[in-house]
C-alpha atoms as a PDB file:
ATOM      1  CA  UNK A   1      23.118  13.311  26.194  1.00  0.00           C
ATOM      2  CA  UNK A   2      23.469  16.031  28.812  1.00  0.00           C
ATOM      3  CA  UNK A   3      26.189  15.444  31.404  1.00  0.00           C
ATOM      4  CA  UNK A   4      23.847  16.241  34.293  1.00  0.00           C
ATOM      5  CA  UNK A   5      21.557  13.409  33.229  1.00  0.00           C
ATOM      6  CA  UNK A   6      24.401  10.986  32.553  1.00  0.00           C
ATOM      7  CA  UNK A   7      25.464  11.388  36.154  1.00  0.00           C
ATOM      8  CA  UNK A   8      22.259   9.664  37.245  1.00  0.00           C
ATOM      9  CA  UNK A   9      23.307   6.496  35.418  1.00  0.00           C
ATOM     10  CA  UNK A  10      26.892   6.760  36.642  1.00  0.00           C
ATOM     11  CA  UNK A  11      25.608   7.118  40.212  1.00  0.00           C
ATOM     12  CA  UNK A  12      23.623   3.890  39.821  1.00  0.00           C
ATOM     13  CA  UNK A  13      26.768   2.108  38.622  1.00  0.00           C
ATOM     14  CA  UNK A  14      28.841   3.520  41.480  1.00  0.00           C
ATOM     15  CA  UNK A  15      26.311   2.371  44.083  1.00  0.00           C
ATOM     16  CA  UNK A  16      25.970  -1.076  42.533  1.00  0.00           C
ATOM     17  CA  UNK A  17      29.717  -1.723  42.165  1.00  0.00           C
ATOM     18  CA  UNK A  18      30.285  -0.432  45.688  1.00  0.00           C
ATOM     19  CA  UNK A  19      27.758  -2.914  47.093  1.00  0.00           C
ATOM     20  CA  UNK A  20      29.115  -5.743  44.919  1.00  0.00           C
ATOM     21  CA  UNK A  21      32.692  -5.081  46.035  1.00  0.00           C
ATOM     22  CA  UNK A  22      31.592  -4.937  49.680  1.00  0.00           C
ATOM     23  CA  UNK A  23      29.870  -8.328  49.358  1.00  0.00           C
ATOM     24  CA  UNK A  24      32.726 -10.040  47.508  1.00  0.00           C
ATOM     25  CA  UNK A  25      35.667  -8.520  49.401  1.00  0.00           C
ATOM     26  CA  UNK A  26      33.981  -8.200  52.774  1.00  0.00           C
ATOM     27  CA  UNK A  27      32.835 -11.822  52.843  1.00  0.00           C
ATOM     28  CA  UNK A  28      35.830 -13.191  50.900  1.00  0.00           C
ATOM     29  CA  UNK A  29      33.734 -14.555  48.016  1.00  0.00           C
ATOM     30  CA  UNK A  30      36.350 -14.237  45.277  1.00  0.00           C
ATOM     31  CA  UNK A  31      36.500 -18.025  44.978  1.00  0.00           C
ATOM     32  CA  UNK A  32      32.729 -18.113  44.383  1.00  0.00           C
ATOM     33  CA  UNK A  33      33.044 -15.518  41.625  1.00  0.00           C
ATOM     34  CA  UNK A  34      35.865 -17.469  39.950  1.00  0.00           C
ATOM     35  CA  UNK A  35      33.905 -20.707  40.229  1.00  0.00           C
ATOM     36  CA  UNK A  36      31.007 -19.227  38.252  1.00  0.00           C
ATOM     37  CA  UNK A  37      33.066 -17.462  35.561  1.00  0.00           C
ATOM     38  CA  UNK A  38      31.287 -19.365  32.713  1.00  0.00           C
ATOM     39  CA  UNK A  39      28.036 -17.623  33.631  1.00  0.00           C
ATOM     40  CA  UNK A  40      29.776 -14.250  33.576  1.00  0.00           C
ATOM     41  CA  UNK A  41      31.088 -15.037  30.104  1.00  0.00           C
ATOM     42  CA  UNK A  42      27.648 -16.143  28.896  1.00  0.00           C
ATOM     43  CA  UNK A  43      25.984 -13.026  30.254  1.00  0.00           C
ATOM     44  CA  UNK A  44      28.473 -10.807  28.440  1.00  0.00           C
ATOM     45  CA  UNK A  45      26.560 -11.887  25.339  1.00  0.00           C
ATOM     46  CA  UNK A  46      23.199 -12.041  27.081  1.00  0.00           C
ATOM     47  CA  UNK A  47      23.460  -8.521  28.474  1.00  0.00           C
ATOM     48  CA  UNK A  48      24.263  -7.087  25.045  1.00  0.00           C
ATOM     49  CA  UNK A  49      21.147  -8.803  23.677  1.00  0.00           C
ATOM     50  CA  UNK A  50      19.154  -7.481  26.633  1.00  0.00           C
ATOM     51  CA  UNK A  51      19.970  -3.882  25.757  1.00  0.00           C
ATOM     52  CA  UNK A  52      19.742  -4.126  21.984  1.00  0.00           C
ATOM     53  CA  UNK A  53      16.770  -6.452  21.413  1.00  0.00           C
ATOM     54  CA  UNK A  54      13.376  -7.222  23.005  1.00  0.00           C
ATOM     55  CA  UNK A  55      14.988 -10.069  24.958  1.00  0.00           C
ATOM     56  CA  UNK A  56      15.806 -10.019  28.641  1.00  0.00           C
ATOM     57  CA  UNK A  57      19.251 -11.128  29.744  1.00  0.00           C
ATOM     58  CA  UNK A  58      17.548 -14.181  31.200  1.00  0.00           C
ATOM     59  CA  UNK A  59      16.773 -15.263  27.650  1.00  0.00           C
ATOM     60  CA  UNK A  60      20.435 -16.261  27.451  1.00  0.00           C
ATOM     61  CA  UNK A  61      20.912 -17.064  31.133  1.00  0.00           C
ATOM     62  CA  UNK A  62      17.960 -19.462  31.264  1.00  0.00           C
ATOM     63  CA  UNK A  63      19.053 -21.836  28.460  1.00  0.00           C
ATOM     64  CA  UNK A  64      22.703 -21.669  29.529  1.00  0.00           C
ATOM     65  CA  UNK A  65      21.848 -22.774  33.057  1.00  0.00           C
ATOM     66  CA  UNK A  66      19.067 -25.198  32.173  1.00  0.00           C
ATOM     67  CA  UNK A  67      20.262 -26.671  28.863  1.00  0.00           C
ATOM     68  CA  UNK A  68      24.045 -26.304  28.949  1.00  0.00           C
ATOM     69  CA  UNK A  69      24.678 -26.805  32.676  1.00  0.00           C
ATOM     70  CA  UNK A  70      21.662 -29.097  33.216  1.00  0.00           C
ATOM     71  CA  UNK A  71      20.349 -27.258  36.276  1.00  0.00           C
ATOM     72  CA  UNK A  72      16.691 -27.031  37.411  1.00  0.00           C
ATOM     73  CA  UNK A  73      14.392 -24.686  35.516  1.00  0.00           C
ATOM     74  CA  UNK A  74      13.645 -22.898  38.800  1.00  0.00           C
ATOM     75  CA  UNK A  75      17.293 -21.791  38.952  1.00  0.00           C
ATOM     76  CA  UNK A  76      17.094 -20.395  35.426  1.00  0.00           C
ATOM     77  CA  UNK A  77      13.963 -18.453  36.320  1.00  0.00           C
ATOM     78  CA  UNK A  78      15.280 -17.084  39.625  1.00  0.00           C
ATOM     79  CA  UNK A  79      18.634 -16.162  38.085  1.00  0.00           C
ATOM     80  CA  UNK A  80      16.801 -14.289  35.319  1.00  0.00           C
ATOM     81  CA  UNK A  81      15.049 -12.110  37.886  1.00  0.00           C
ATOM     82  CA  UNK A  82      18.228 -11.430  39.834  1.00  0.00           C
ATOM     83  CA  UNK A  83      20.561 -10.644  36.950  1.00  0.00           C
ATOM     84  CA  UNK A  84      18.013  -8.594  34.974  1.00  0.00           C
ATOM     85  CA  UNK A  85      17.305  -6.491  38.062  1.00  0.00           C
ATOM     86  CA  UNK A  86      20.850  -5.172  37.557  1.00  0.00           C
ATOM     87  CA  UNK A  87      21.458  -5.340  33.812  1.00  0.00           C
ATOM     88  CA  UNK A  88      18.083  -4.243  32.508  1.00  0.00           C
ATOM     89  CA  UNK A  89      17.629  -1.608  35.195  1.00  0.00           C
ATOM     90  CA  UNK A  90      21.035  -0.194  34.218  1.00  0.00           C
ATOM     91  CA  UNK A  91      19.977  -0.243  30.549  1.00  0.00           C
ATOM     92  CA  UNK A  92      16.628   1.382  31.405  1.00  0.00           C
ATOM     93  CA  UNK A  93      18.283   4.219  33.304  1.00  0.00           C
ATOM     94  CA  UNK A  94      20.654   4.683  30.359  1.00  0.00           C
ATOM     95  CA  UNK A  95      17.666   4.801  27.984  1.00  0.00           C
ATOM     96  CA  UNK A  96      15.885   7.373  30.150  1.00  0.00           C
ATOM     97  CA  UNK A  97      18.890   9.682  30.534  1.00  0.00           C
ATOM     98  CA  UNK A  98      19.378   9.574  26.762  1.00  0.00           C
ATOM     99  CA  UNK A  99      15.742  10.663  26.412  1.00  0.00           C
ATOM    100  CA  UNK A 100      14.923   7.874  23.969  1.00  0.00           C
ATOM    101  CA  UNK A 101      11.307   7.716  22.878  1.00  0.00           C
ATOM    102  CA  UNK A 102       9.099   5.169  24.612  1.00  0.00           C
ATOM    103  CA  UNK A 103       5.538   3.970  23.943  1.00  0.00           C
ATOM    104  CA  UNK A 104       4.318   5.358  27.251  1.00  0.00           C
ATOM    105  CA  UNK A 105       0.598   4.498  27.039  1.00  0.00           C
ATOM    106  CA  UNK A 106       1.239   0.783  26.529  1.00  0.00           C
ATOM    107  CA  UNK A 107       4.189   0.835  28.927  1.00  0.00           C
ATOM    108  CA  UNK A 108       2.114   2.352  31.734  1.00  0.00           C
ATOM    109  CA  UNK A 109      -0.671  -0.146  31.138  1.00  0.00           C
ATOM    110  CA  UNK A 110       1.759  -3.089  31.108  1.00  0.00           C
ATOM    111  CA  UNK A 111       3.376  -1.900  34.326  1.00  0.00           C
ATOM    112  CA  UNK A 112       0.022  -1.635  36.060  1.00  0.00           C
ATOM    113  CA  UNK A 113      -1.140  -5.031  34.792  1.00  0.00           C
ATOM    114  CA  UNK A 114       2.082  -6.794  35.727  1.00  0.00           C
ATOM    115  CA  UNK A 115       1.987  -5.198  39.153  1.00  0.00           C
ATOM    116  CA  UNK A 116      -0.838  -7.648  39.831  1.00  0.00           C
ATOM    117  CA  UNK A 117      -0.059 -10.450  37.370  1.00  0.00           C
ATOM    118  CA  UNK A 118       3.601 -11.095  38.181  1.00  0.00           C
ATOM    119  CA  UNK A 119       3.253 -11.480  41.979  1.00  0.00           C
ATOM    120  CA  UNK A 120       0.155 -13.666  41.569  1.00  0.00           C
ATOM    121  CA  UNK A 121       1.993 -15.800  39.037  1.00  0.00           C
ATOM    122  CA  UNK A 122       5.096 -16.185  41.209  1.00  0.00           C
ATOM    123  CA  UNK A 123       3.092 -17.149  44.286  1.00  0.00           C
ATOM    124  CA  UNK A 124       0.381 -19.351  42.762  1.00  0.00           C
ATOM    125  CA  UNK A 125       1.078 -20.252  39.109  1.00  0.00           C
ATOM    126  CA  UNK A 126       4.830 -21.005  38.984  1.00  0.00           C
ATOM    127  CA  UNK A 127       4.813 -23.492  41.907  1.00  0.00           C
ATOM    128  CA  UNK A 128       2.185 -25.567  40.095  1.00  0.00           C
ATOM    129  CA  UNK A 129       4.134 -25.797  36.810  1.00  0.00           C
ATOM    130  CA  UNK A 130       6.432 -28.859  36.437  1.00  0.00           C
ATOM    131  CA  UNK A 131      10.070 -28.167  35.524  1.00  0.00           C
ATOM    132  CA  UNK A 132       9.710 -29.740  32.082  1.00  0.00           C
ATOM    133  CA  UNK A 133       6.779 -27.472  31.269  1.00  0.00           C
ATOM    134  CA  UNK A 134       8.805 -24.427  32.303  1.00  0.00           C
ATOM    135  CA  UNK A 135      11.515 -25.396  29.804  1.00  0.00           C
ATOM    136  CA  UNK A 136       8.960 -25.965  27.066  1.00  0.00           C
ATOM    137  CA  UNK A 137       7.098 -22.695  27.717  1.00  0.00           C
ATOM    138  CA  UNK A 138      10.389 -20.842  27.412  1.00  0.00           C
ATOM    139  CA  UNK A 139      11.384 -22.760  24.273  1.00  0.00           C
ATOM    140  CA  UNK A 140       8.041 -22.206  22.542  1.00  0.00           C
ATOM    141  CA  UNK A 141       7.777 -18.493  23.388  1.00  0.00           C
ATOM    142  CA  UNK A 142      11.231 -17.604  22.159  1.00  0.00           C
ATOM    143  CA  UNK A 143      11.242 -20.151  19.347  1.00  0.00           C
ATOM    144  CA  UNK A 144       8.126 -18.555  17.874  1.00  0.00           C
ATOM    145  CA  UNK A 145       9.691 -15.119  18.339  1.00  0.00           C
ATOM    146  CA  UNK A 146      12.720 -16.274  16.356  1.00  0.00           C
ATOM    147  CA  UNK A 147      10.700 -17.819  13.525  1.00  0.00           C
ATOM    148  CA  UNK A 148       8.547 -14.677  13.253  1.00  0.00           C
ATOM    149  CA  UNK A 149      11.606 -12.494  12.756  1.00  0.00           C
ATOM    150  CA  UNK A 150      13.169 -14.812  10.214  1.00  0.00           C
ATOM    151  CA  UNK A 151      10.299 -14.226   7.783  1.00  0.00           C
ATOM    152  CA  UNK A 152       8.926 -10.825   8.918  1.00  0.00           C
ATOM    153  CA  UNK A 153      12.145  -8.970   9.722  1.00  0.00           C
ATOM    154  CA  UNK A 154      12.009  -6.765   6.630  1.00  0.00           C
ATOM    155  CA  UNK A 155       8.483  -5.577   7.421  1.00  0.00           C
ATOM    156  CA  UNK A 156       9.152  -5.127  11.136  1.00  0.00           C
ATOM    157  CA  UNK A 157      12.253  -3.003  10.536  1.00  0.00           C
ATOM    158  CA  UNK A 158      10.390  -0.820   8.016  1.00  0.00           C
ATOM    159  CA  UNK A 159       8.067   0.844  10.560  1.00  0.00           C
ATOM    160  CA  UNK A 160       8.900   4.479  11.313  1.00  0.00           C
ATOM    161  CA  UNK A 161       6.256   5.658  13.762  1.00  0.00           C
ATOM    162  CA  UNK A 162       6.737   6.596  17.395  1.00  0.00           C
ATOM    163  CA  UNK A 163       3.246   5.656  18.597  1.00  0.00           C
ATOM    164  CA  UNK A 164      -0.065   4.521  17.217  1.00  0.00           C
ATOM    165  CA  UNK A 165      -2.086   7.573  18.192  1.00  0.00           C
ATOM    166  CA  UNK A 166      -4.673   5.486  20.069  1.00  0.00           C
ATOM    167  CA  UNK A 167      -3.439   6.144  23.575  1.00  0.00           C
ATOM    168  CA  UNK A 168      -6.469   4.811  25.447  1.00  0.00           C
ATOM    169  CA  UNK A 169      -6.497   1.600  23.399  1.00  0.00           C
ATOM    170  CA  UNK A 170      -2.768   1.109  23.832  1.00  0.00           C
ATOM    171  CA  UNK A 171      -3.104   1.518  27.599  1.00  0.00           C
ATOM    172  CA  UNK A 172      -5.836  -1.135  27.720  1.00  0.00           C
ATOM    173  CA  UNK A 173      -3.807  -3.506  25.552  1.00  0.00           C
ATOM    174  CA  UNK A 174      -0.790  -2.974  27.797  1.00  0.00           C
ATOM    175  CA  UNK A 175      -2.894  -3.565  30.904  1.00  0.00           C
ATOM    176  CA  UNK A 176      -4.148  -6.901  29.577  1.00  0.00           C
ATOM    177  CA  UNK A 177      -0.712  -7.993  28.365  1.00  0.00           C
ATOM    178  CA  UNK A 178       0.901  -7.038  31.656  1.00  0.00           C
ATOM    179  CA  UNK A 179      -1.623  -9.048  33.639  1.00  0.00           C
ATOM    180  CA  UNK A 180      -1.512 -12.170  31.452  1.00  0.00           C
ATOM    181  CA  UNK A 181       2.187 -12.185  30.523  1.00  0.00           C
ATOM    182  CA  UNK A 182       3.190 -11.325  34.068  1.00  0.00           C
ATOM    183  CA  UNK A 183       1.288 -14.286  35.487  1.00  0.00           C
ATOM    184  CA  UNK A 184       1.939 -16.870  32.757  1.00  0.00           C
ATOM    185  CA  UNK A 185       5.319 -15.942  31.242  1.00  0.00           C
ATOM    186  CA  UNK A 186       7.407 -13.800  33.600  1.00  0.00           C
ATOM    187  CA  UNK A 187       6.441 -15.714  36.733  1.00  0.00           C
ATOM    188  CA  UNK A 188       7.151 -19.065  35.077  1.00  0.00           C
ATOM    189  CA  UNK A 189      10.329 -18.364  33.057  1.00  0.00           C
ATOM    190  CA  UNK A 190      11.658 -15.035  34.366  1.00  0.00           C
ATOM    191  CA  UNK A 191      11.206 -13.394  30.952  1.00  0.00           C
ATOM    192  CA  UNK A 192       8.512 -12.933  28.316  1.00  0.00           C
ATOM    193  CA  UNK A 193       6.622  -9.722  28.942  1.00  0.00           C
ATOM    194  CA  UNK A 194       9.262  -7.802  26.975  1.00  0.00           C
ATOM    195  CA  UNK A 195       8.646  -9.959  23.921  1.00  0.00           C
ATOM    196  CA  UNK A 196       4.856  -9.770  24.275  1.00  0.00           C
ATOM    197  CA  UNK A 197       4.767  -5.971  24.599  1.00  0.00           C
ATOM    198  CA  UNK A 198       7.258  -5.623  21.755  1.00  0.00           C
ATOM    199  CA  UNK A 199       5.125  -7.877  19.528  1.00  0.00           C
ATOM    200  CA  UNK A 200       2.041  -5.788  20.257  1.00  0.00           C
ATOM    201  CA  UNK A 201       3.912  -2.580  19.434  1.00  0.00           C
ATOM    202  CA  UNK A 202       5.448  -3.696  16.135  1.00  0.00           C
ATOM    203  CA  UNK A 203       2.614  -5.916  14.876  1.00  0.00           C
ATOM    204  CA  UNK A 204      -0.533  -4.250  16.218  1.00  0.00           C
ATOM    205  CA  UNK A 205       0.597  -0.632  16.539  1.00  0.00           C
ATOM    206  CA  UNK A 206       3.272  -0.788  13.798  1.00  0.00           C
ATOM    207  CA  UNK A 207       5.728   1.192  15.917  1.00  0.00           C
ATOM    208  CA  UNK A 208       9.341   1.903  15.013  1.00  0.00           C
ATOM    209  CA  UNK A 209      11.899  -0.502  16.523  1.00  0.00           C
ATOM    210  CA  UNK A 210      13.696   2.523  17.975  1.00  0.00           C
ATOM    211  CA  UNK A 211      10.656   2.953  20.229  1.00  0.00           C
ATOM    212  CA  UNK A 212       9.463  -0.638  20.633  1.00  0.00           C
ATOM    213  CA  UNK A 213      12.769  -2.158  21.794  1.00  0.00           C
ATOM    214  CA  UNK A 214      13.587   0.435  24.508  1.00  0.00           C
ATOM    215  CA  UNK A 215       9.998   0.095  25.736  1.00  0.00           C
ATOM    216  CA  UNK A 216      10.437  -3.674  26.000  1.00  0.00           C
ATOM    217  CA  UNK A 217      13.673  -3.165  27.961  1.00  0.00           C
ATOM    218  CA  UNK A 218      11.976  -0.899  30.494  1.00  0.00           C
ATOM    219  CA  UNK A 219       8.981  -3.201  31.074  1.00  0.00           C
ATOM    220  CA  UNK A 220      11.292  -6.189  31.614  1.00  0.00           C
ATOM    221  CA  UNK A 221      13.399  -4.195  34.053  1.00  0.00           C
ATOM    222  CA  UNK A 222      10.259  -3.280  36.002  1.00  0.00           C
ATOM    223  CA  UNK A 223       9.130  -6.907  36.157  1.00  0.00           C
ATOM    224  CA  UNK A 224      12.586  -8.137  37.148  1.00  0.00           C
ATOM    225  CA  UNK A 225      12.715  -5.786  40.128  1.00  0.00           C
ATOM    226  CA  UNK A 226       9.155  -6.784  40.987  1.00  0.00           C
ATOM    227  CA  UNK A 227      10.135 -10.454  40.796  1.00  0.00           C
ATOM    228  CA  UNK A 228      13.136  -9.884  43.082  1.00  0.00           C
ATOM    229  CA  UNK A 229      10.947  -8.123  45.639  1.00  0.00           C
ATOM    230  CA  UNK A 230       8.242 -10.813  45.624  1.00  0.00           C
ATOM    231  CA  UNK A 231      10.696 -13.709  45.843  1.00  0.00           C
ATOM    232  CA  UNK A 232      12.685 -11.997  48.587  1.00  0.00           C
ATOM    233  CA  UNK A 233       9.573 -11.360  50.668  1.00  0.00           C
ATOM    234  CA  UNK A 234       8.435 -14.942  50.108  1.00  0.00           C
ATOM    235  CA  UNK A 235      11.942 -16.283  50.864  1.00  0.00           C
ATOM    236  CA  UNK A 236      11.748 -18.511  47.800  1.00  0.00           C
ATOM    237  CA  UNK A 237      15.146 -18.188  46.072  1.00  0.00           C
ATOM    238  CA  UNK A 238      16.980 -21.129  44.530  1.00  0.00           C
ATOM    239  CA  UNK A 239      20.162 -21.586  46.618  1.00  0.00           C
ATOM    240  CA  UNK A 240      22.508 -21.488  43.593  1.00  0.00           C
ATOM    241  CA  UNK A 241      21.328 -18.079  42.360  1.00  0.00           C
ATOM    242  CA  UNK A 242      23.649 -16.043  44.588  1.00  0.00           C
ATOM    243  CA  UNK A 243      26.937 -17.427  43.259  1.00  0.00           C
ATOM    244  CA  UNK A 244      25.895 -17.057  39.628  1.00  0.00           C
ATOM    245  CA  UNK A 245      24.619 -13.556  40.320  1.00  0.00           C
ATOM    246  CA  UNK A 246      27.885 -12.476  41.961  1.00  0.00           C
ATOM    247  CA  UNK A 247      29.789 -13.550  38.852  1.00  0.00           C
ATOM    248  CA  UNK A 248      27.407 -12.166  36.235  1.00  0.00           C
ATOM    249  CA  UNK A 249      26.036  -8.959  37.794  1.00  0.00           C
ATOM    250  CA  UNK A 250      29.152  -6.773  37.285  1.00  0.00           C
ATOM    251  CA  UNK A 251      29.209  -7.828  33.630  1.00  0.00           C
ATOM    252  CA  UNK A 252      25.558  -7.097  32.843  1.00  0.00           C
ATOM    253  CA  UNK A 253      25.583  -3.728  34.628  1.00  0.00           C
ATOM    254  CA  UNK A 254      27.706  -2.429  31.748  1.00  0.00           C
ATOM    255  CA  UNK A 255      26.851  -4.965  29.032  1.00  0.00           C
ATOM    256  CA  UNK A 256      23.156  -4.092  28.721  1.00  0.00           C
ATOM    257  CA  UNK A 257      23.689  -0.302  28.384  1.00  0.00           C
ATOM    258  CA  UNK A 258      26.497  -1.076  25.928  1.00  0.00           C
ATOM    259  CA  UNK A 259      23.950  -2.948  23.818  1.00  0.00           C
ATOM    260  CA  UNK A 260      21.660   0.094  23.878  1.00  0.00           C
ATOM    261  CA  UNK A 261      24.511   2.303  22.652  1.00  0.00           C
ATOM    262  CA  UNK A 262      26.185   0.033  20.092  1.00  0.00           C
ATOM    263  CA  UNK A 263      22.976  -1.008  18.345  1.00  0.00           C
ATOM    264  CA  UNK A 264      22.359   2.652  17.589  1.00  0.00           C
ATOM    265  CA  UNK A 265      25.588   2.648  15.588  1.00  0.00           C
ATOM    266  CA  UNK A 266      25.310  -0.662  13.712  1.00  0.00           C
ATOM    267  CA  UNK A 267      21.522  -0.891  13.346  1.00  0.00           C
ATOM    268  CA  UNK A 268      19.066  -3.378  14.794  1.00  0.00           C
ATOM    269  CA  UNK A 269      18.529  -5.628  11.793  1.00  0.00           C
ATOM    270  CA  UNK A 270      21.791  -7.647  12.033  1.00  0.00           C
ATOM    271  CA  UNK A 271      21.405  -8.056  15.801  1.00  0.00           C
ATOM    272  CA  UNK A 272      17.776  -9.143  15.531  1.00  0.00           C
ATOM    273  CA  UNK A 273      18.641 -11.652  12.823  1.00  0.00           C
ATOM    274  CA  UNK A 274      21.343 -13.262  14.956  1.00  0.00           C
ATOM    275  CA  UNK A 275      19.059 -13.309  17.990  1.00  0.00           C
ATOM    276  CA  UNK A 276      16.255 -14.872  15.942  1.00  0.00           C
ATOM    277  CA  UNK A 277      18.574 -17.666  14.859  1.00  0.00           C
ATOM    278  CA  UNK A 278      19.651 -18.253  18.465  1.00  0.00           C
ATOM    279  CA  UNK A 279      15.990 -18.459  19.521  1.00  0.00           C
ATOM    280  CA  UNK A 280      15.337 -21.152  16.926  1.00  0.00           C
ATOM    281  CA  UNK A 281      18.498 -23.027  17.949  1.00  0.00           C
ATOM    282  CA  UNK A 282      17.467 -23.089  21.616  1.00  0.00           C
ATOM    283  CA  UNK A 283      14.023 -24.394  20.612  1.00  0.00           C
ATOM    284  CA  UNK A 284      15.566 -27.265  18.632  1.00  0.00           C
ATOM    285  CA  UNK A 285      18.079 -27.896  21.420  1.00  0.00           C
ATOM    286  CA  UNK A 286      15.306 -28.124  24.017  1.00  0.00           C
ATOM    287  CA  UNK A 287      13.291 -30.556  21.903  1.00  0.00           C
ATOM    288  CA  UNK A 288      16.333 -32.783  21.349  1.00  0.00           C
ATOM    289  CA  UNK A 289      17.402 -32.666  25.004  1.00  0.00           C
ATOM    290  CA  UNK A 290      13.897 -33.456  26.263  1.00  0.00           C
ATOM    291  CA  UNK A 291      13.086 -36.084  23.633  1.00  0.00           C
ATOM    292  CA  UNK A 292      13.068 -38.967  26.166  1.00  0.00           C
ATOM    293  CA  UNK A 293      10.392 -37.173  28.181  1.00  0.00           C
ATOM    294  CA  UNK A 294       8.476 -35.811  25.183  1.00  0.00           C
ATOM    295  CA  UNK A 295       8.322 -38.687  22.748  1.00  0.00           C
ATOM    296  CA  UNK A 296       6.501 -38.311  19.445  1.00  0.00           C
ATOM    297  CA  UNK A 297       3.235 -37.108  20.987  1.00  0.00           C
ATOM    298  CA  UNK A 298       4.923 -34.541  23.189  1.00  0.00           C
ATOM    299  CA  UNK A 299       6.983 -33.194  20.309  1.00  0.00           C
ATOM    300  CA  UNK A 300       3.847 -32.867  18.181  1.00  0.00           C
ATOM    301  CA  UNK A 301       2.166 -30.867  20.959  1.00  0.00           C
ATOM    302  CA  UNK A 302       5.207 -28.605  21.306  1.00  0.00           C
ATOM    303  CA  UNK A 303       5.239 -27.933  17.563  1.00  0.00           C
ATOM    304  CA  UNK A 304       1.504 -27.264  17.695  1.00  0.00           C
ATOM    305  CA  UNK A 305       2.079 -24.741  20.500  1.00  0.00           C
ATOM    306  CA  UNK A 306       4.777 -23.080  18.393  1.00  0.00           C
ATOM    307  CA  UNK A 307       2.362 -22.791  15.469  1.00  0.00           C
ATOM    308  CA  UNK A 308      -0.287 -21.433  17.828  1.00  0.00           C
ATOM    309  CA  UNK A 309       2.043 -18.649  18.948  1.00  0.00           C
ATOM    310  CA  UNK A 310       2.853 -17.807  15.341  1.00  0.00           C
ATOM    311  CA  UNK A 311      -0.861 -17.685  14.522  1.00  0.00           C
ATOM    312  CA  UNK A 312      -1.301 -15.280  17.416  1.00  0.00           C
ATOM    313  CA  UNK A 313       1.475 -13.059  16.070  1.00  0.00           C
ATOM    314  CA  UNK A 314      -0.043 -13.136  12.582  1.00  0.00           C
ATOM    315  CA  UNK A 315      -3.481 -12.255  13.974  1.00  0.00           C
ATOM    316  CA  UNK A 316      -1.959  -9.229  15.702  1.00  0.00           C
ATOM    317  CA  UNK A 317      -0.297  -8.216  12.447  1.00  0.00           C
ATOM    318  CA  UNK A 318      -3.534  -8.591  10.462  1.00  0.00           C
ATOM    319  CA  UNK A 319      -5.429  -6.542  13.022  1.00  0.00           C
ATOM    320  CA  UNK A 320      -2.726  -3.876  12.921  1.00  0.00           C
ATOM    321  CA  UNK A 321      -3.022  -3.626   9.152  1.00  0.00           C
ATOM    322  CA  UNK A 322      -6.808  -3.270   9.337  1.00  0.00           C
ATOM    323  CA  UNK A 323      -6.544  -0.572  11.984  1.00  0.00           C
ATOM    324  CA  UNK A 324      -3.955   1.286   9.909  1.00  0.00           C
ATOM    325  CA  UNK A 325      -6.191   1.224   6.833  1.00  0.00           C
ATOM    326  CA  UNK A 326      -9.234   2.308   8.849  1.00  0.00           C
ATOM    327  CA  UNK A 327      -7.311   5.158  10.464  1.00  0.00           C
ATOM    328  CA  UNK A 328      -6.079   6.267   7.045  1.00  0.00           C
ATOM    329  CA  UNK A 329      -9.601   6.405   5.661  1.00  0.00           C
ATOM    330  CA  UNK A 330     -10.906   8.320   8.667  1.00  0.00           C
ATOM    331  CA  UNK A 331      -8.184  10.918   8.287  1.00  0.00           C
ATOM    332  CA  UNK A 332      -9.103  11.466   4.608  1.00  0.00           C
ATOM    333  CA  UNK A 333      -5.830  10.481   3.042  1.00  0.00           C
ATOM    334  CA  UNK A 334      -3.286  10.446   5.870  1.00  0.00           C
ATOM    335  CA  UNK A 335      -3.054   7.595   8.340  1.00  0.00           C
ATOM    336  CA  UNK A 336      -2.425   8.023  12.070  1.00  0.00           C
ATOM    337  CA  UNK A 337       0.937   6.373  11.464  1.00  0.00           C
ATOM    338  CA  UNK A 338       2.028   9.285   9.301  1.00  0.00           C
ATOM    339  CA  UNK A 339       2.040   7.471   5.939  1.00  0.00           C
ATOM    340  CA  UNK A 340       0.114   8.880   3.008  1.00  0.00           C
ATOM    341  CA  UNK A 341      -2.787   6.723   1.881  1.00  0.00           C
ATOM    342  CA  UNK A 342      -3.550   6.808  -1.842  1.00  0.00           C
ATOM    343  CA  UNK A 343      -6.856   8.399  -2.665  1.00  0.00           C
END
């Protein structure tokens, strides 16, 4: 990494910590920071996951606030936006200054789609979703992500391609995913588009994790900043977000880039396996905690939704395999993913 580029990331950190210190010291908010120290501790883990996996920091912050501390789902969602706007932006800048490869066609499409989908979802979709549904949407999305990786991790970590070669198609896929995931996942839970774009890259495009995961970090950072802007303009923040943010933000500003760096040394497979297990645990935890409201019928519907998500992932994988085989035949022996195809 060139020093001149690293200074761009260091400048971001200097500006952020300067503003944070001004807010805490200038308004004597040290007691507020100390009061919310458990969230800072939780986000030390969450920010590492945010930088090293296709999971936003809110993927830890949301269940900690909603399941462990029994707060409203709206707080979990709003906190996800606020804390990821620091942690994942810091990680994204770190990724860019390190010149890590990104799947730019799909990333550009997802950014453009979410530019419309996320604000529309925040303003019109999220207010209409009951708190229980928000918890269940989060649980199902990330529970299915965890289950997928428990039985497909070997295949997913075996991909070695930087992009699929179908730039126009990838842009269109990203555009659709950005619009839909922005409106129905990000706006409702504060996370989700990172996982959706990542799934499309590794299952449909069969892209290397070294490209797919940084791409998912950048798209979640973009949506987090977008969410902060929309909610600030609308004046629709949960009142408890600020205290939790003050405690957690200085941790995630360094924790997420640390995840980007460390995972390059230890590999992504162990981290993804642990994260997958945590995703399954939070799904089970949510179902147990919400059993009085769910009952047998509700639980059956939740499990059906989980299976539906897995079927969607498997359909993407099957389509990716067919496209890989077709591309290999068209190139007379060498696929667009760079792997030799037997004659």
